[in-house]
Amino acid sequence: MKKLILLPYLMISSLCFGQGLTSLDENLDMCPGGAHGPTNWMVFNTVPGTYPDGTWACDAAAGREGTPGITCSGLYGSPLKYHLDTSTLVSPRLDLSGYSDKVYVNFDTKTTNFNLGAKLLFIASKDSTALGDTPTTYNLSSRMMPPIGFGDETDWVTHQVDLTDYKDVVPLYIGFRYISADGTNGSRWYLDNIKTTTEKIVSVKDIGMKSSKISLTGSANGNTISMRCGVVSSGEYNLTLYDISGRLIHQEKRQLSKGVSLFALNIPNLTSGLYFVRLWNESASRTAKIPVL
C-alpha cells in the first residue's frame, strides 16, 4: 500500500517563512536542477520513495521558452511504466489579505496529452499538510480561465484563477495536483511563471469593448503582426494578444505618445487562425481582429 510522502527538506524550508509571502512571482529560473520543486515549495506525493521520478521535479529546460521549469508524470519503475499516483506541488505560506480589490494567480502550463490521467487541478488550502479532500481544502479548478483543454497539448497556455474570495484566508497555500494514468501510456505536465496579479485575463466575450479615445488596426505577415494605433493622450498602455478561444498568447506594456504610432509584434510560431489584439488602459480600450493565414 502506497503512503503519502512529503519530501522532508522542502517541509523544513517552508518553516522559515514566518507570516508568509504577500505575493507570488515564481518564474522557476532558480529551480535547482533535479530538485523536487523550487526553493520553499513543497511536494506531496504517493509515488514510492524508491521511485521518486514520478513526482514534481525541476528541469533546466522544461519551462516556457526553454527556460527552467517544473514537470511531473507518473512514469517510473523498471521497466518504465505509468502508475496511478498523485503528486501535488504546494506553494509557500501566503498572506494575500493586503490586496484591496481583486487578486488572481497566473501560471503557464503545457502537457503531452491532457486526456491521459486527470487534468491538472488547482487547489487551495488553509493548511499545507491538508491538501487532500478536507473541509479546509478548496478545489478551484472550475475557476481556471481558460479551462484546461486541447490548447495545453499543442503549446503553452497562460491560465488564471480568481483568488479574491480567499484573500482573507490566512495562511493560504495554493497547489497544483496531477493524478497520473495507470498503464503503459500517460502524460507529462509542465509548469512555469506562477505569479499573483491584479489584472484579469480578458476573455473573447470581454474584448469587444471599444472607445473613441483609441484607434487600432493590424495585419499579419508570417510571425509578425504590424500594428497602427492612435491614442488621444500619451501614457502607458497594455497590449494583449489572444487566439479565438481566448487563450493569452502575448502581453506587454507599451509607452505611447499622443497621435498615431506604428509598431510590430514578433510572435514566434504563430499558427494560422483569427487573433485579437487589445490595446487598453484604465479609461479606454480598443480591439482589432487579425487573421493569420
C-alpha atoms as a PDB file:
ATOM      1  CA  MET A   1       0.000   0.000   0.000  1.00  0.00           C
ATOM      2  CA  LYS A   2       1.376   3.380  -1.009  1.00  0.00           C
ATOM      3  CA  LYS A   3       1.944   6.105   1.536  1.00  0.00           C
ATOM      4  CA  LEU A   4       1.753   9.831   1.122  1.00  0.00           C
ATOM      5  CA  ILE A   5       5.323  11.087   1.125  1.00  0.00           C
ATOM      6  CA  LEU A   6       6.373  14.662   1.844  1.00  0.00           C
ATOM      7  CA  LEU A   7       9.901  15.294   0.694  1.00  0.00           C
ATOM      8  CA  PRO A   8      11.467  16.398   4.006  1.00  0.00           C
ATOM      9  CA  TYR A   9      13.919  19.145   3.004  1.00  0.00           C
ATOM     10  CA  LEU A  10      11.103  21.055   1.381  1.00  0.00           C
ATOM     11  CA  MET A  11       8.993  20.901   4.508  1.00  0.00           C
ATOM     12  CA  ILE A  12      11.880  22.238   6.586  1.00  0.00           C
ATOM     13  CA  SER A  13      12.497  25.158   4.225  1.00  0.00           C
ATOM     14  CA  SER A  14       8.830  26.127   4.383  1.00  0.00           C
ATOM     15  CA  LEU A  15       9.018  26.628   8.148  1.00  0.00           C
ATOM     16  CA  CYS A  16      11.265  29.652   7.688  1.00  0.00           C
ATOM     17  CA  PHE A  17       8.601  31.773   6.072  1.00  0.00           C
ATOM     18  CA  GLY A  18       7.106  33.440   9.153  1.00  0.00           C
ATOM     19  CA  GLN A  19       3.986  35.374   8.227  1.00  0.00           C
ATOM     20  CA  GLY A  20       4.200  34.272   4.612  1.00  0.00           C
ATOM     21  CA  LEU A  21       4.629  35.827   1.215  1.00  0.00           C
ATOM     22  CA  THR A  22       2.292  38.686   0.326  1.00  0.00           C
ATOM     23  CA  SER A  23       2.559  37.907  -3.398  1.00  0.00           C
ATOM     24  CA  LEU A  24       3.982  35.282  -5.743  1.00  0.00           C
ATOM     25  CA  ASP A  25       6.453  35.885  -8.558  1.00  0.00           C
ATOM     26  CA  GLU A  26       7.916  32.460  -9.283  1.00  0.00           C
ATOM     27  CA  ASN A  27       9.409  32.185 -12.774  1.00  0.00           C
ATOM     28  CA  LEU A  28      11.246  28.994 -11.723  1.00  0.00           C
ATOM     29  CA  ASP A  29      14.514  30.227 -13.279  1.00  0.00           C
ATOM     30  CA  MET A  30      16.240  29.383  -9.994  1.00  0.00           C
ATOM     31  CA  CYS A  31      14.588  25.960  -9.734  1.00  0.00           C
ATOM     32  CA  PRO A  32      17.540  23.678  -8.805  1.00  0.00           C
ATOM     33  CA  GLY A  33      18.164  21.010 -11.415  1.00  0.00           C
ATOM     34  CA  GLY A  34      16.839  17.655 -10.223  1.00  0.00           C
ATOM     35  CA  ALA A  35      15.235  19.107  -7.079  1.00  0.00           C
ATOM     36  CA  HIS A  36      11.644  18.162  -6.288  1.00  0.00           C
ATOM     37  CA  GLY A  37      10.228  21.661  -6.607  1.00  0.00           C
ATOM     38  CA  PRO A  38      11.516  25.226  -6.372  1.00  0.00           C
ATOM     39  CA  THR A  39      13.021  26.536  -3.141  1.00  0.00           C
ATOM     40  CA  ASN A  40      10.470  26.937  -0.320  1.00  0.00           C
ATOM     41  CA  TRP A  41       7.785  24.993  -2.196  1.00  0.00           C
ATOM     42  CA  MET A  42       6.663  21.532  -1.039  1.00  0.00           C
ATOM     43  CA  VAL A  43       5.823  18.317  -2.852  1.00  0.00           C
ATOM     44  CA  PHE A  44       3.324  15.778  -1.517  1.00  0.00           C
ATOM     45  CA  ASN A  45       3.410  12.525  -3.408  1.00  0.00           C
ATOM     46  CA  THR A  46       2.138   8.932  -3.335  1.00  0.00           C
ATOM     47  CA  VAL A  47       4.969   7.622  -5.507  1.00  0.00           C
ATOM     48  CA  PRO A  48       7.021   5.074  -3.510  1.00  0.00           C
ATOM     49  CA  GLY A  49      10.282   6.505  -2.209  1.00  0.00           C
ATOM     50  CA  THR A  50      12.329   4.025  -4.243  1.00  0.00           C
ATOM     51  CA  TYR A  51      10.909   5.579  -7.434  1.00  0.00           C
ATOM     52  CA  PRO A  52      10.860   9.371  -6.945  1.00  0.00           C
ATOM     53  CA  ASP A  53      10.808  10.190 -10.665  1.00  0.00           C
ATOM     54  CA  GLY A  54       7.024  10.370 -10.872  1.00  0.00           C
ATOM     55  CA  THR A  55       6.829  13.469  -8.694  1.00  0.00           C
ATOM     56  CA  TRP A  56       7.100  17.181  -9.499  1.00  0.00           C
ATOM     57  CA  ALA A  57      10.731  17.984 -10.273  1.00  0.00           C
ATOM     58  CA  CYS A  58      12.770  20.903 -11.596  1.00  0.00           C
ATOM     59  CA  ASP A  59      14.210  20.708 -15.091  1.00  0.00           C
ATOM     60  CA  ALA A  60      16.697  23.142 -16.610  1.00  0.00           C
ATOM     61  CA  ALA A  61      14.810  23.301 -19.932  1.00  0.00           C
ATOM     62  CA  ALA A  62      11.210  22.378 -19.029  1.00  0.00           C
ATOM     63  CA  GLY A  63       9.884  25.951 -18.830  1.00  0.00           C
ATOM     64  CA  ARG A  64       8.387  28.280 -21.380  1.00  0.00           C
ATOM     65  CA  GLU A  65      10.920  29.455 -24.000  1.00  0.00           C
ATOM     66  CA  GLY A  66      13.273  26.659 -22.906  1.00  0.00           C
ATOM     67  CA  THR A  67      13.971  28.224 -19.504  1.00  0.00           C
ATOM     68  CA  PRO A  68      13.974  26.230 -16.238  1.00  0.00           C
ATOM     69  CA  GLY A  69      10.581  24.911 -15.186  1.00  0.00           C
ATOM     70  CA  ILE A  70       8.934  22.115 -13.258  1.00  0.00           C
ATOM     71  CA  THR A  71       7.435  18.926 -14.637  1.00  0.00           C
ATOM     72  CA  CYS A  72       5.544  15.853 -13.433  1.00  0.00           C
ATOM     73  CA  SER A  73       4.395  12.487 -14.762  1.00  0.00           C
ATOM     74  CA  GLY A  74       3.582   9.069 -13.321  1.00  0.00           C
ATOM     75  CA  LEU A  75       6.349   7.363 -15.287  1.00  0.00           C
ATOM     76  CA  TYR A  76       8.719   5.329 -13.118  1.00  0.00           C
ATOM     77  CA  GLY A  77       9.919   1.840 -12.309  1.00  0.00           C
ATOM     78  CA  SER A  78      11.899  -0.801 -14.185  1.00  0.00           C
ATOM     79  CA  PRO A  79      10.764  -1.329 -16.852  1.00  0.00           C
ATOM     80  CA  LEU A  80       9.370   2.203 -17.082  1.00  0.00           C
ATOM     81  CA  LYS A  81       5.593   2.342 -16.741  1.00  0.00           C
ATOM     82  CA  TYR A  82       2.923   4.926 -15.934  1.00  0.00           C
ATOM     83  CA  HIS A  83       1.420   4.330 -12.499  1.00  0.00           C
ATOM     84  CA  LEU A  84      -1.708   5.638 -10.834  1.00  0.00           C
ATOM     85  CA  ASP A  85      -0.169   8.187  -8.470  1.00  0.00           C
ATOM     86  CA  THR A  86      -0.957  11.631  -7.151  1.00  0.00           C
ATOM     87  CA  SER A  87       1.596  14.424  -6.872  1.00  0.00           C
ATOM     88  CA  THR A  88       0.851  17.893  -5.513  1.00  0.00           C
ATOM     89  CA  LEU A  89       3.136  20.918  -5.744  1.00  0.00           C
ATOM     90  CA  VAL A  90       2.395  23.300  -2.844  1.00  0.00           C
ATOM     91  CA  SER A  91       3.307  26.982  -2.565  1.00  0.00           C
ATOM     92  CA  PRO A  92       4.963  28.638   0.419  1.00  0.00           C
ATOM     93  CA  ARG A  93       2.695  30.127   3.078  1.00  0.00           C
ATOM     94  CA  LEU A  94       0.772  33.074   1.599  1.00  0.00           C
ATOM     95  CA  ASP A  95      -0.868  36.135   3.130  1.00  0.00           C
ATOM     96  CA  LEU A  96      -2.873  37.896   0.404  1.00  0.00           C
ATOM     97  CA  SER A  97      -5.007  39.938   2.806  1.00  0.00           C
ATOM     98  CA  GLY A  98      -3.234  43.142   1.787  1.00  0.00           C
ATOM     99  CA  TYR A  99      -4.900  43.211  -1.628  1.00  0.00           C
ATOM    100  CA  SER A 100      -7.592  45.886  -1.522  1.00  0.00           C
ATOM    101  CA  ASP A 101      -9.507  44.620  -4.546  1.00  0.00           C
ATOM    102  CA  LYS A 102      -9.165  41.684  -6.920  1.00  0.00           C
ATOM    103  CA  VAL A 103      -6.273  39.241  -6.800  1.00  0.00           C
ATOM    104  CA  TYR A 104      -5.574  36.472  -9.294  1.00  0.00           C
ATOM    105  CA  VAL A 105      -2.843  33.905  -9.823  1.00  0.00           C
ATOM    106  CA  ASN A 106      -1.470  33.293 -13.324  1.00  0.00           C
ATOM    107  CA  PHE A 107       0.520  30.254 -14.409  1.00  0.00           C
ATOM    108  CA  ASP A 108       1.719  28.757 -17.687  1.00  0.00           C
ATOM    109  CA  THR A 109       1.055  25.102 -18.480  1.00  0.00           C
ATOM    110  CA  LYS A 110       1.693  22.565 -21.215  1.00  0.00           C
ATOM    111  CA  THR A 111       1.100  18.824 -21.440  1.00  0.00           C
ATOM    112  CA  THR A 112       1.901  15.930 -23.752  1.00  0.00           C
ATOM    113  CA  ASN A 113      -1.661  14.562 -23.640  1.00  0.00           C
ATOM    114  CA  PHE A 114      -4.275  16.250 -21.480  1.00  0.00           C
ATOM    115  CA  ASN A 115      -6.711  13.315 -21.776  1.00  0.00           C
ATOM    116  CA  LEU A 116      -4.377  10.720 -20.214  1.00  0.00           C
ATOM    117  CA  GLY A 117      -4.645  10.848 -16.458  1.00  0.00           C
ATOM    118  CA  ALA A 118      -6.545  13.577 -14.668  1.00  0.00           C
ATOM    119  CA  LYS A 119      -6.391  17.138 -15.910  1.00  0.00           C
ATOM    120  CA  LEU A 120      -4.140  19.369 -13.861  1.00  0.00           C
ATOM    121  CA  LEU A 121      -6.054  20.561 -10.781  1.00  0.00           C
ATOM    122  CA  PHE A 122      -5.655  23.887  -8.984  1.00  0.00           C
ATOM    123  CA  ILE A 123      -6.348  23.710  -5.268  1.00  0.00           C
ATOM    124  CA  ALA A 124      -6.056  25.970  -2.238  1.00  0.00           C
ATOM    125  CA  SER A 125      -5.910  25.171   1.465  1.00  0.00           C
ATOM    126  CA  LYS A 126      -5.632  26.692   4.923  1.00  0.00           C
ATOM    127  CA  ASP A 127      -3.104  24.021   5.852  1.00  0.00           C
ATOM    128  CA  SER A 128      -0.031  22.969   3.844  1.00  0.00           C
ATOM    129  CA  THR A 129      -0.363  19.400   5.132  1.00  0.00           C
ATOM    130  CA  ALA A 130      -4.102  19.084   4.376  1.00  0.00           C
ATOM    131  CA  LEU A 131      -4.182  19.290   0.612  1.00  0.00           C
ATOM    132  CA  GLY A 132      -6.341  16.213   0.252  1.00  0.00           C
ATOM    133  CA  ASP A 133     -10.148  16.213   0.282  1.00  0.00           C
ATOM    134  CA  THR A 134     -10.686  18.013   3.589  1.00  0.00           C
ATOM    135  CA  PRO A 135     -13.008  20.800   4.784  1.00  0.00           C
ATOM    136  CA  THR A 136     -10.074  23.231   4.663  1.00  0.00           C
ATOM    137  CA  THR A 137      -9.194  22.420   1.044  1.00  0.00           C
ATOM    138  CA  TYR A 138     -10.830  24.069  -1.957  1.00  0.00           C
ATOM    139  CA  ASN A 139     -10.722  22.682  -5.483  1.00  0.00           C
ATOM    140  CA  LEU A 140     -10.683  25.867  -7.576  1.00  0.00           C
ATOM    141  CA  SER A 141     -10.112  24.159 -10.924  1.00  0.00           C
ATOM    142  CA  SER A 142     -13.540  25.282 -12.175  1.00  0.00           C
ATOM    143  CA  ARG A 143     -12.339  28.898 -11.795  1.00  0.00           C
ATOM    144  CA  MET A 144      -9.474  28.334 -14.205  1.00  0.00           C
ATOM    145  CA  MET A 145      -9.702  30.654 -17.200  1.00  0.00           C
ATOM    146  CA  PRO A 146      -9.328  29.438 -19.873  1.00  0.00           C
ATOM    147  CA  PRO A 147     -10.085  25.878 -18.720  1.00  0.00           C
ATOM    148  CA  ILE A 148      -7.601  23.091 -19.388  1.00  0.00           C
ATOM    149  CA  GLY A 149      -8.098  21.954 -22.984  1.00  0.00           C
ATOM    150  CA  PHE A 150      -6.505  20.868 -26.247  1.00  0.00           C
ATOM    151  CA  GLY A 151      -4.591  24.152 -26.367  1.00  0.00           C
ATOM    152  CA  ASP A 152      -2.454  22.911 -23.463  1.00  0.00           C
ATOM    153  CA  GLU A 153      -1.463  19.932 -25.582  1.00  0.00           C
ATOM    154  CA  THR A 154      -0.224  21.946 -28.546  1.00  0.00           C
ATOM    155  CA  ASP A 155       1.535  24.854 -26.854  1.00  0.00           C
ATOM    156  CA  TRP A 156       1.981  26.758 -23.612  1.00  0.00           C
ATOM    157  CA  VAL A 157      -1.188  28.335 -22.224  1.00  0.00           C
ATOM    158  CA  THR A 158      -1.454  31.079 -19.599  1.00  0.00           C
ATOM    159  CA  HIS A 159      -4.242  30.205 -17.135  1.00  0.00           C
ATOM    160  CA  GLN A 160      -5.676  32.348 -14.367  1.00  0.00           C
ATOM    161  CA  VAL A 161      -7.606  31.617 -11.157  1.00  0.00           C
ATOM    162  CA  ASP A 162      -9.519  34.263  -9.192  1.00  0.00           C
ATOM    163  CA  LEU A 163      -8.364  34.142  -5.536  1.00  0.00           C
ATOM    164  CA  THR A 164     -10.312  37.214  -4.405  1.00  0.00           C
ATOM    165  CA  ASP A 165     -12.773  35.185  -2.299  1.00  0.00           C
ATOM    166  CA  TYR A 166      -9.833  33.563  -0.482  1.00  0.00           C
ATOM    167  CA  LYS A 167      -7.503  36.532   0.064  1.00  0.00           C
ATOM    168  CA  ASP A 168      -8.592  36.833   3.710  1.00  0.00           C
ATOM    169  CA  VAL A 169      -7.793  33.158   4.379  1.00  0.00           C
ATOM    170  CA  VAL A 170      -4.511  33.429   6.281  1.00  0.00           C
ATOM    171  CA  PRO A 171      -2.409  31.431   5.919  1.00  0.00           C
ATOM    172  CA  LEU A 172      -3.293  30.304   2.409  1.00  0.00           C
ATOM    173  CA  TYR A 173      -1.490  27.701   0.317  1.00  0.00           C
ATOM    174  CA  ILE A 174      -2.096  27.030  -3.354  1.00  0.00           C
ATOM    175  CA  GLY A 175      -1.299  23.753  -5.046  1.00  0.00           C
ATOM    176  CA  PHE A 176      -1.075  22.045  -8.427  1.00  0.00           C
ATOM    177  CA  ARG A 177      -2.193  18.416  -8.366  1.00  0.00           C
ATOM    178  CA  TYR A 178      -1.738  15.801 -11.047  1.00  0.00           C
ATOM    179  CA  ILE A 179      -3.197  12.286 -10.828  1.00  0.00           C
ATOM    180  CA  SER A 180      -1.373  10.203 -13.427  1.00  0.00           C
ATOM    181  CA  ALA A 181      -2.751   7.377 -15.524  1.00  0.00           C
ATOM    182  CA  ASP A 182      -2.254   3.691 -14.784  1.00  0.00           C
ATOM    183  CA  GLY A 183      -0.888   1.721 -17.703  1.00  0.00           C
ATOM    184  CA  THR A 184       1.652   1.943 -20.493  1.00  0.00           C
ATOM    185  CA  ASN A 185       0.597   5.411 -21.660  1.00  0.00           C
ATOM    186  CA  GLY A 186       0.310   8.656 -19.756  1.00  0.00           C
ATOM    187  CA  SER A 187       1.012  12.345 -19.952  1.00  0.00           C
ATOM    188  CA  ARG A 188       3.587  14.750 -18.623  1.00  0.00           C
ATOM    189  CA  TRP A 189       2.667  18.201 -17.278  1.00  0.00           C
ATOM    190  CA  TYR A 190       4.857  21.293 -17.290  1.00  0.00           C
ATOM    191  CA  LEU A 191       4.518  24.445 -15.152  1.00  0.00           C
ATOM    192  CA  ASP A 192       6.151  27.861 -15.341  1.00  0.00           C
ATOM    193  CA  ASN A 193       5.668  31.525 -14.351  1.00  0.00           C
ATOM    194  CA  ILE A 194       3.432  31.276 -11.269  1.00  0.00           C
ATOM    195  CA  LYS A 195       2.529  34.845 -10.315  1.00  0.00           C
ATOM    196  CA  THR A 196      -0.145  36.811  -8.469  1.00  0.00           C
ATOM    197  CA  THR A 197      -1.649  39.784 -10.279  1.00  0.00           C
ATOM    198  CA  THR A 198      -4.477  42.312 -10.020  1.00  0.00           C
ATOM    199  CA  GLU A 199      -5.126  42.245 -13.785  1.00  0.00           C
ATOM    200  CA  LYS A 200      -7.794  39.906 -15.094  1.00  0.00           C
ATOM    201  CA  ILE A 201      -7.126  37.857 -18.205  1.00  0.00           C
ATOM    202  CA  VAL A 202      -9.693  39.076 -20.685  1.00  0.00           C
ATOM    203  CA  SER A 203     -11.926  36.548 -22.406  1.00  0.00           C
ATOM    204  CA  VAL A 204     -13.087  36.824 -26.014  1.00  0.00           C
ATOM    205  CA  LYS A 205     -16.527  37.948 -24.852  1.00  0.00           C
ATOM    206  CA  ASP A 206     -14.908  40.836 -22.960  1.00  0.00           C
ATOM    207  CA  ILE A 207     -12.643  42.139 -25.677  1.00  0.00           C
ATOM    208  CA  GLY A 208     -15.339  43.725 -27.819  1.00  0.00           C
ATOM    209  CA  MET A 209     -15.190  46.880 -25.671  1.00  0.00           C
ATOM    210  CA  LYS A 210     -14.088  49.939 -27.598  1.00  0.00           C
ATOM    211  CA  SER A 211     -13.517  53.634 -27.037  1.00  0.00           C
ATOM    212  CA  SER A 212     -13.193  56.638 -29.346  1.00  0.00           C
ATOM    213  CA  LYS A 213     -10.012  57.505 -27.396  1.00  0.00           C
ATOM    214  CA  ILE A 214      -8.121  54.674 -29.142  1.00  0.00           C
ATOM    215  CA  SER A 215      -7.913  53.536 -32.772  1.00  0.00           C
ATOM    216  CA  LEU A 216      -6.322  50.197 -33.653  1.00  0.00           C
ATOM    217  CA  THR A 217      -5.764  48.227 -36.865  1.00  0.00           C
ATOM    218  CA  GLY A 218      -3.327  45.493 -37.797  1.00  0.00           C
ATOM    219  CA  SER A 219      -2.183  42.954 -40.371  1.00  0.00           C
ATOM    220  CA  ALA A 220      -0.096  39.776 -40.196  1.00  0.00           C
ATOM    221  CA  ASN A 221       2.807  38.515 -42.268  1.00  0.00           C
ATOM    222  CA  GLY A 222       4.244  35.246 -41.026  1.00  0.00           C
ATOM    223  CA  ASN A 223       5.163  35.611 -37.360  1.00  0.00           C
ATOM    224  CA  THR A 224       4.961  39.421 -37.479  1.00  0.00           C
ATOM    225  CA  ILE A 225       1.841  41.444 -36.677  1.00  0.00           C
ATOM    226  CA  SER A 226       2.094  45.056 -37.849  1.00  0.00           C
ATOM    227  CA  MET A 227       0.009  47.475 -35.764  1.00  0.00           C
ATOM    228  CA  ARG A 228      -1.235  51.010 -36.347  1.00  0.00           C
ATOM    229  CA  CYS A 229      -2.759  52.732 -33.328  1.00  0.00           C
ATOM    230  CA  GLY A 230      -3.842  56.180 -32.316  1.00  0.00           C
ATOM    231  CA  VAL A 231      -4.376  57.490 -28.788  1.00  0.00           C
ATOM    232  CA  VAL A 232      -5.684  60.856 -27.581  1.00  0.00           C
ATOM    233  CA  SER A 233      -3.326  61.043 -24.602  1.00  0.00           C
ATOM    234  CA  SER A 234       0.268  59.953 -24.004  1.00  0.00           C
ATOM    235  CA  GLY A 235       0.985  57.309 -21.381  1.00  0.00           C
ATOM    236  CA  GLU A 236       1.487  53.628 -20.658  1.00  0.00           C
ATOM    237  CA  TYR A 237      -0.894  51.205 -22.367  1.00  0.00           C
ATOM    238  CA  ASN A 238      -1.409  47.455 -22.003  1.00  0.00           C
ATOM    239  CA  LEU A 239      -1.253  45.353 -25.147  1.00  0.00           C
ATOM    240  CA  THR A 240      -2.504  41.763 -25.206  1.00  0.00           C
ATOM    241  CA  LEU A 241      -2.871  39.163 -27.955  1.00  0.00           C
ATOM    242  CA  TYR A 242      -5.450  36.340 -27.752  1.00  0.00           C
ATOM    243  CA  ASP A 243      -6.411  33.492 -30.028  1.00  0.00           C
ATOM    244  CA  ILE A 244     -10.025  32.681 -30.953  1.00  0.00           C
ATOM    245  CA  SER A 245     -10.517  30.570 -27.791  1.00  0.00           C
ATOM    246  CA  GLY A 246      -9.486  33.451 -25.532  1.00  0.00           C
ATOM    247  CA  ARG A 247      -6.057  31.964 -24.804  1.00  0.00           C
ATOM    248  CA  LEU A 248      -3.492  34.639 -23.953  1.00  0.00           C
ATOM    249  CA  ILE A 249      -0.616  34.469 -26.464  1.00  0.00           C
ATOM    250  CA  HIS A 250       1.365  37.623 -25.694  1.00  0.00           C
ATOM    251  CA  GLN A 251       1.231  40.602 -23.344  1.00  0.00           C
ATOM    252  CA  GLU A 252       3.330  43.704 -22.803  1.00  0.00           C
ATOM    253  CA  LYS A 253       3.183  47.294 -21.619  1.00  0.00           C
ATOM    254  CA  ARG A 254       3.936  49.985 -24.197  1.00  0.00           C
ATOM    255  CA  GLN A 255       4.600  53.695 -23.749  1.00  0.00           C
ATOM    256  CA  LEU A 256       2.693  55.617 -26.446  1.00  0.00           C
ATOM    257  CA  SER A 257       2.709  59.281 -27.404  1.00  0.00           C
ATOM    258  CA  LYS A 258      -0.410  61.188 -28.349  1.00  0.00           C
ATOM    259  CA  GLY A 259      -1.282  60.650 -32.012  1.00  0.00           C
ATOM    260  CA  VAL A 260      -0.594  57.739 -34.374  1.00  0.00           C
ATOM    261  CA  SER A 261       2.104  55.119 -33.747  1.00  0.00           C
ATOM    262  CA  LEU A 262       3.333  52.209 -35.876  1.00  0.00           C
ATOM    263  CA  PHE A 263       4.956  49.132 -34.358  1.00  0.00           C
ATOM    264  CA  ALA A 264       5.333  45.396 -34.912  1.00  0.00           C
ATOM    265  CA  LEU A 265       4.775  42.356 -32.696  1.00  0.00           C
ATOM    266  CA  ASN A 266       7.103  39.434 -33.426  1.00  0.00           C
ATOM    267  CA  ILE A 267       5.396  36.267 -32.163  1.00  0.00           C
ATOM    268  CA  PRO A 268       7.353  33.004 -32.724  1.00  0.00           C
ATOM    269  CA  ASN A 269       5.428  30.003 -34.075  1.00  0.00           C
ATOM    270  CA  LEU A 270       2.252  31.959 -34.806  1.00  0.00           C
ATOM    271  CA  THR A 271      -0.181  29.457 -36.343  1.00  0.00           C
ATOM    272  CA  SER A 272      -2.996  30.153 -38.794  1.00  0.00           C
ATOM    273  CA  GLY A 273      -6.258  31.443 -37.333  1.00  0.00           C
ATOM    274  CA  LEU A 274      -8.080  34.505 -36.048  1.00  0.00           C
ATOM    275  CA  TYR A 275      -6.417  36.570 -33.320  1.00  0.00           C
ATOM    276  CA  PHE A 276      -7.484  39.539 -31.222  1.00  0.00           C
ATOM    277  CA  VAL A 277      -5.109  42.356 -30.300  1.00  0.00           C
ATOM    278  CA  ARG A 278      -6.334  44.587 -27.486  1.00  0.00           C
ATOM    279  CA  LEU A 279      -4.838  47.958 -26.546  1.00  0.00           C
ATOM    280  CA  TRP A 280      -6.131  49.438 -23.320  1.00  0.00           C
ATOM    281  CA  ASN A 281      -5.632  51.462 -20.162  1.00  0.00           C
ATOM    282  CA  GLU A 282      -7.905  52.337 -17.234  1.00  0.00           C
ATOM    283  CA  SER A 283     -10.106  54.674 -19.264  1.00  0.00           C
ATOM    284  CA  ALA A 284     -10.182  53.260 -22.804  1.00  0.00           C
ATOM    285  CA  SER A 285      -9.987  50.036 -24.762  1.00  0.00           C
ATOM    286  CA  ARG A 286      -9.878  49.015 -28.413  1.00  0.00           C
ATOM    287  CA  THR A 287      -9.627  45.566 -30.013  1.00  0.00           C
ATOM    288  CA  ALA A 288      -8.563  44.629 -33.541  1.00  0.00           C
ATOM    289  CA  LYS A 289      -9.230  41.274 -35.225  1.00  0.00           C
ATOM    290  CA  ILE A 290      -6.161  39.944 -37.063  1.00  0.00           C
ATOM    291  CA  PRO A 291      -6.447  36.931 -39.408  1.00  0.00           C
ATOM    292  CA  VAL A 292      -3.228  34.944 -39.743  1.00  0.00           C
ATOM    293  CA  LEU A 293      -3.118  32.820 -42.907  1.00  0.00           C
END
